[in-house]
Amino acid sequence: MNKSQLIDMIRQEMGDSATKKDAALALSATLSAITKAVATEKVQIIGFGTFETKTRPARKGRDPRTGETLEIPASTSVVFRAASSLKD
């Protein structure tokens, strides 16, 4: 499923009076709110899942071509854990 298919499904869920533009705005607002919130806190949507940031510390790695040891910098990424009801 891509973004336009998701917008179509949202429009259907919203009812006959909703337009595709309304559904696109609803999706955009939801994604924007999650993006802003996950930068500072855990976002938990009951029945769907949890978005949170995880920090990986700096570590030593190895270049597979040369075998040379190099320093991999610390990084932060967003992790999603699905709720058990979504898994079922």
N, C-alpha and C. Protein backbone atom coordinates (compact mmCIF):
# COMPACT_ATOMS: atom_id res chain seq x y z
N MET A 1 0.84 -1.17 0.00
CA MET A 1 0.00 0.00 0.00
C MET A 1 0.90 1.24 0.00
N ASN A 2 0.55 2.18 -0.84
CA ASN A 2 1.30 3.44 -0.87
C ASN A 2 0.45 4.57 -0.26
N LYS A 3 1.01 5.76 -0.26
CA LYS A 3 0.36 6.88 0.41
C LYS A 3 -1.00 7.22 -0.20
N SER A 4 -1.11 7.21 -1.51
CA SER A 4 -2.40 7.58 -2.13
C SER A 4 -3.46 6.51 -1.85
N GLN A 5 -3.08 5.25 -1.76
CA GLN A 5 -4.03 4.20 -1.41
C GLN A 5 -4.48 4.36 0.04
N LEU A 6 -3.56 4.74 0.91
CA LEU A 6 -3.90 4.98 2.31
C LEU A 6 -4.85 6.17 2.42
N ILE A 7 -4.62 7.21 1.66
CA ILE A 7 -5.53 8.37 1.65
C ILE A 7 -6.91 7.95 1.20
N ASP A 8 -7.00 7.11 0.18
CA ASP A 8 -8.31 6.62 -0.28
C ASP A 8 -9.03 5.83 0.82
N MET A 9 -8.29 5.00 1.55
CA MET A 9 -8.91 4.22 2.64
C MET A 9 -9.38 5.13 3.77
N ILE A 10 -8.59 6.16 4.07
CA ILE A 10 -8.99 7.11 5.11
C ILE A 10 -10.26 7.84 4.69
N ARG A 11 -10.34 8.25 3.43
CA ARG A 11 -11.52 8.93 2.92
C ARG A 11 -12.76 8.05 3.04
N GLN A 12 -12.62 6.77 2.74
CA GLN A 12 -13.75 5.84 2.87
C GLN A 12 -14.19 5.71 4.33
N GLU A 13 -13.22 5.65 5.24
CA GLU A 13 -13.54 5.54 6.67
C GLU A 13 -14.21 6.80 7.20
N MET A 14 -13.86 7.96 6.62
CA MET A 14 -14.43 9.23 7.08
C MET A 14 -15.87 9.41 6.63
N GLY A 15 -16.29 8.70 5.62
CA GLY A 15 -17.68 8.79 5.15
C GLY A 15 -17.80 9.48 3.81
N ASP A 16 -19.01 9.52 3.30
CA ASP A 16 -19.27 10.05 1.97
C ASP A 16 -19.03 11.55 1.85
N SER A 17 -19.19 12.29 2.94
CA SER A 17 -19.05 13.74 2.87
C SER A 17 -17.58 14.18 2.81
N ALA A 18 -16.65 13.29 3.14
CA ALA A 18 -15.23 13.64 3.14
C ALA A 18 -14.65 13.60 1.73
N THR A 19 -13.75 14.52 1.47
CA THR A 19 -13.08 14.55 0.18
C THR A 19 -11.68 13.95 0.32
N LYS A 20 -11.09 13.70 -0.83
CA LYS A 20 -9.73 13.16 -0.83
C LYS A 20 -8.76 14.17 -0.20
N LYS A 21 -9.02 15.46 -0.39
CA LYS A 21 -8.19 16.51 0.19
C LYS A 21 -8.28 16.49 1.71
N ASP A 22 -9.50 16.27 2.24
CA ASP A 22 -9.68 16.18 3.70
C ASP A 22 -8.89 15.00 4.26
N ALA A 23 -8.94 13.87 3.59
CA ALA A 23 -8.22 12.68 4.04
C ALA A 23 -6.71 12.90 3.98
N ALA A 24 -6.23 13.58 2.93
CA ALA A 24 -4.81 13.86 2.81
C ALA A 24 -4.34 14.79 3.92
N LEU A 25 -5.17 15.79 4.26
CA LEU A 25 -4.84 16.71 5.36
C LEU A 25 -4.82 15.97 6.70
N ALA A 26 -5.76 15.05 6.90
CA ALA A 26 -5.81 14.28 8.14
C ALA A 26 -4.56 13.41 8.28
N LEU A 27 -4.17 12.74 7.21
CA LEU A 27 -2.97 11.91 7.24
C LEU A 27 -1.72 12.75 7.47
N SER A 28 -1.62 13.87 6.77
CA SER A 28 -0.47 14.75 6.91
C SER A 28 -0.35 15.29 8.33
N ALA A 29 -1.48 15.70 8.92
CA ALA A 29 -1.47 16.22 10.28
C ALA A 29 -1.07 15.15 11.28
N THR A 30 -1.56 13.94 11.09
CA THR A 30 -1.23 12.83 11.99
C THR A 30 0.25 12.50 11.93
N LEU A 31 0.79 12.37 10.72
CA LEU A 31 2.21 12.04 10.56
C LEU A 31 3.09 13.16 11.09
N SER A 32 2.69 14.40 10.89
CA SER A 32 3.46 15.53 11.39
C SER A 32 3.48 15.55 12.92
N ALA A 33 2.34 15.28 13.54
CA ALA A 33 2.26 15.27 15.00
C ALA A 33 3.12 14.15 15.58
N ILE A 34 3.08 12.98 14.97
CA ILE A 34 3.89 11.86 15.44
C ILE A 34 5.37 12.18 15.28
N THR A 35 5.74 12.76 14.15
CA THR A 35 7.14 13.09 13.88
C THR A 35 7.68 14.09 14.89
N LYS A 36 6.90 15.12 15.20
CA LYS A 36 7.34 16.13 16.18
C LYS A 36 7.42 15.55 17.58
N ALA A 37 6.44 14.74 17.95
CA ALA A 37 6.39 14.21 19.31
C ALA A 37 7.46 13.16 19.56
N VAL A 38 7.76 12.32 18.59
CA VAL A 38 8.72 11.24 18.81
C VAL A 38 10.14 11.78 18.99
N ALA A 39 10.37 13.00 18.59
CA ALA A 39 11.69 13.60 18.78
C ALA A 39 11.98 13.84 20.26
N THR A 40 10.94 14.01 21.07
CA THR A 40 11.16 14.32 22.48
C THR A 40 10.58 13.30 23.45
N GLU A 41 9.66 12.45 22.98
CA GLU A 41 9.01 11.51 23.89
C GLU A 41 8.52 10.28 23.14
N LYS A 42 8.12 9.27 23.91
CA LYS A 42 7.56 8.05 23.34
C LYS A 42 6.12 8.32 22.92
N VAL A 43 5.72 7.85 21.74
CA VAL A 43 4.35 8.03 21.24
C VAL A 43 3.68 6.66 21.24
N GLN A 44 2.66 6.50 22.08
CA GLN A 44 1.98 5.23 22.22
C GLN A 44 0.55 5.38 21.74
N ILE A 45 0.18 4.59 20.75
CA ILE A 45 -1.18 4.58 20.23
C ILE A 45 -1.77 3.23 20.61
N ILE A 46 -2.66 3.23 21.59
CA ILE A 46 -3.22 2.00 22.11
C ILE A 46 -3.92 1.23 20.98
N GLY A 47 -3.61 -0.05 20.89
CA GLY A 47 -4.20 -0.90 19.86
C GLY A 47 -3.44 -0.89 18.55
N PHE A 48 -2.46 0.00 18.42
CA PHE A 48 -1.67 0.07 17.18
C PHE A 48 -0.21 -0.22 17.46
N GLY A 49 0.42 0.60 18.31
CA GLY A 49 1.83 0.37 18.62
C GLY A 49 2.48 1.58 19.25
N THR A 50 3.81 1.49 19.39
CA THR A 50 4.58 2.53 20.05
C THR A 50 5.75 2.96 19.18
N PHE A 51 5.92 4.26 19.03
CA PHE A 51 7.06 4.84 18.35
C PHE A 51 7.97 5.43 19.42
N GLU A 52 9.26 5.13 19.37
CA GLU A 52 10.20 5.75 20.29
C GLU A 52 11.58 5.82 19.66
N THR A 53 12.40 6.71 20.20
CA THR A 53 13.75 6.85 19.69
C THR A 53 14.70 5.97 20.50
N LYS A 54 15.66 5.40 19.82
CA LYS A 54 16.69 4.60 20.45
C LYS A 54 18.04 5.19 20.06
N THR A 55 18.92 5.30 21.04
CA THR A 55 20.25 5.84 20.79
C THR A 55 21.25 4.70 20.82
N ARG A 56 22.04 4.61 19.77
CA ARG A 56 23.11 3.62 19.71
C ARG A 56 24.42 4.33 20.01
N PRO A 57 25.20 3.83 20.95
CA PRO A 57 26.47 4.49 21.28
C PRO A 57 27.50 4.33 20.17
N ALA A 58 28.52 5.17 20.21
CA ALA A 58 29.62 5.05 19.25
C ALA A 58 30.32 3.71 19.49
N ARG A 59 30.84 3.13 18.42
CA ARG A 59 31.49 1.83 18.56
C ARG A 59 32.55 1.68 17.48
N LYS A 60 33.37 0.69 17.63
CA LYS A 60 34.40 0.41 16.63
C LYS A 60 33.85 -0.61 15.64
N GLY A 61 34.17 -0.38 14.38
CA GLY A 61 33.75 -1.28 13.32
C GLY A 61 34.93 -1.62 12.44
N ARG A 62 34.68 -2.39 11.41
CA ARG A 62 35.76 -2.79 10.51
C ARG A 62 35.30 -2.64 9.07
N ASP A 63 36.13 -2.04 8.26
CA ASP A 63 35.87 -1.91 6.83
C ASP A 63 36.04 -3.29 6.22
N PRO A 64 34.99 -3.86 5.61
CA PRO A 64 35.09 -5.22 5.08
C PRO A 64 36.08 -5.35 3.90
N ARG A 65 36.30 -4.26 3.18
CA ARG A 65 37.23 -4.34 2.04
C ARG A 65 38.69 -4.37 2.47
N THR A 66 39.02 -3.49 3.43
CA THR A 66 40.42 -3.36 3.80
C THR A 66 40.75 -4.00 5.14
N GLY A 67 39.74 -4.28 5.94
CA GLY A 67 39.97 -4.84 7.27
C GLY A 67 40.39 -3.79 8.28
N GLU A 68 40.43 -2.53 7.85
CA GLU A 68 40.84 -1.43 8.70
C GLU A 68 39.78 -1.15 9.77
N THR A 69 40.21 -0.91 11.01
CA THR A 69 39.30 -0.56 12.11
C THR A 69 38.95 0.92 12.00
N LEU A 70 37.66 1.21 12.18
CA LEU A 70 37.21 2.60 12.13
C LEU A 70 36.19 2.85 13.21
N GLU A 71 35.98 4.11 13.53
CA GLU A 71 35.04 4.51 14.57
C GLU A 71 33.69 4.81 13.93
N ILE A 72 32.64 4.12 14.39
CA ILE A 72 31.28 4.37 13.92
C ILE A 72 30.64 5.33 14.92
N PRO A 73 30.17 6.49 14.47
CA PRO A 73 29.62 7.49 15.40
C PRO A 73 28.30 7.03 16.03
N ALA A 74 27.96 7.64 17.15
CA ALA A 74 26.67 7.38 17.80
C ALA A 74 25.55 7.83 16.88
N SER A 75 24.41 7.15 16.97
CA SER A 75 23.28 7.51 16.12
C SER A 75 21.97 7.33 16.87
N THR A 76 20.96 8.00 16.40
CA THR A 76 19.62 7.90 16.96
C THR A 76 18.68 7.48 15.85
N SER A 77 17.80 6.52 16.14
CA SER A 77 16.83 6.08 15.15
C SER A 77 15.47 5.90 15.81
N VAL A 78 14.44 5.86 15.00
CA VAL A 78 13.08 5.67 15.49
C VAL A 78 12.74 4.19 15.36
N VAL A 79 12.17 3.64 16.43
CA VAL A 79 11.80 2.23 16.47
C VAL A 79 10.30 2.14 16.65
N PHE A 80 9.66 1.20 15.95
CA PHE A 80 8.22 0.97 16.10
C PHE A 80 8.02 -0.44 16.63
N ARG A 81 7.25 -0.55 17.69
CA ARG A 81 6.87 -1.86 18.23
C ARG A 81 5.36 -1.98 18.09
N ALA A 82 4.91 -3.00 17.38
CA ALA A 82 3.48 -3.20 17.17
C ALA A 82 2.81 -3.69 18.43
N ALA A 83 1.58 -3.25 18.65
CA ALA A 83 0.78 -3.71 19.79
C ALA A 83 0.35 -5.15 19.56
N SER A 84 0.10 -5.85 20.64
CA SER A 84 -0.28 -7.26 20.50
C SER A 84 -1.58 -7.43 19.72
N SER A 85 -2.50 -6.48 19.84
CA SER A 85 -3.75 -6.57 19.09
C SER A 85 -3.50 -6.41 17.59
N LEU A 86 -2.50 -5.63 17.21
CA LEU A 86 -2.16 -5.47 15.80
C LEU A 86 -1.48 -6.73 15.28
N LYS A 87 -0.65 -7.36 16.12
CA LYS A 87 0.04 -8.59 15.73
C LYS A 87 -0.95 -9.72 15.48
N ASP A 88 -2.03 -9.75 16.28
CA ASP A 88 -3.03 -10.82 16.13
C ASP A 88 -3.81 -10.60 14.86
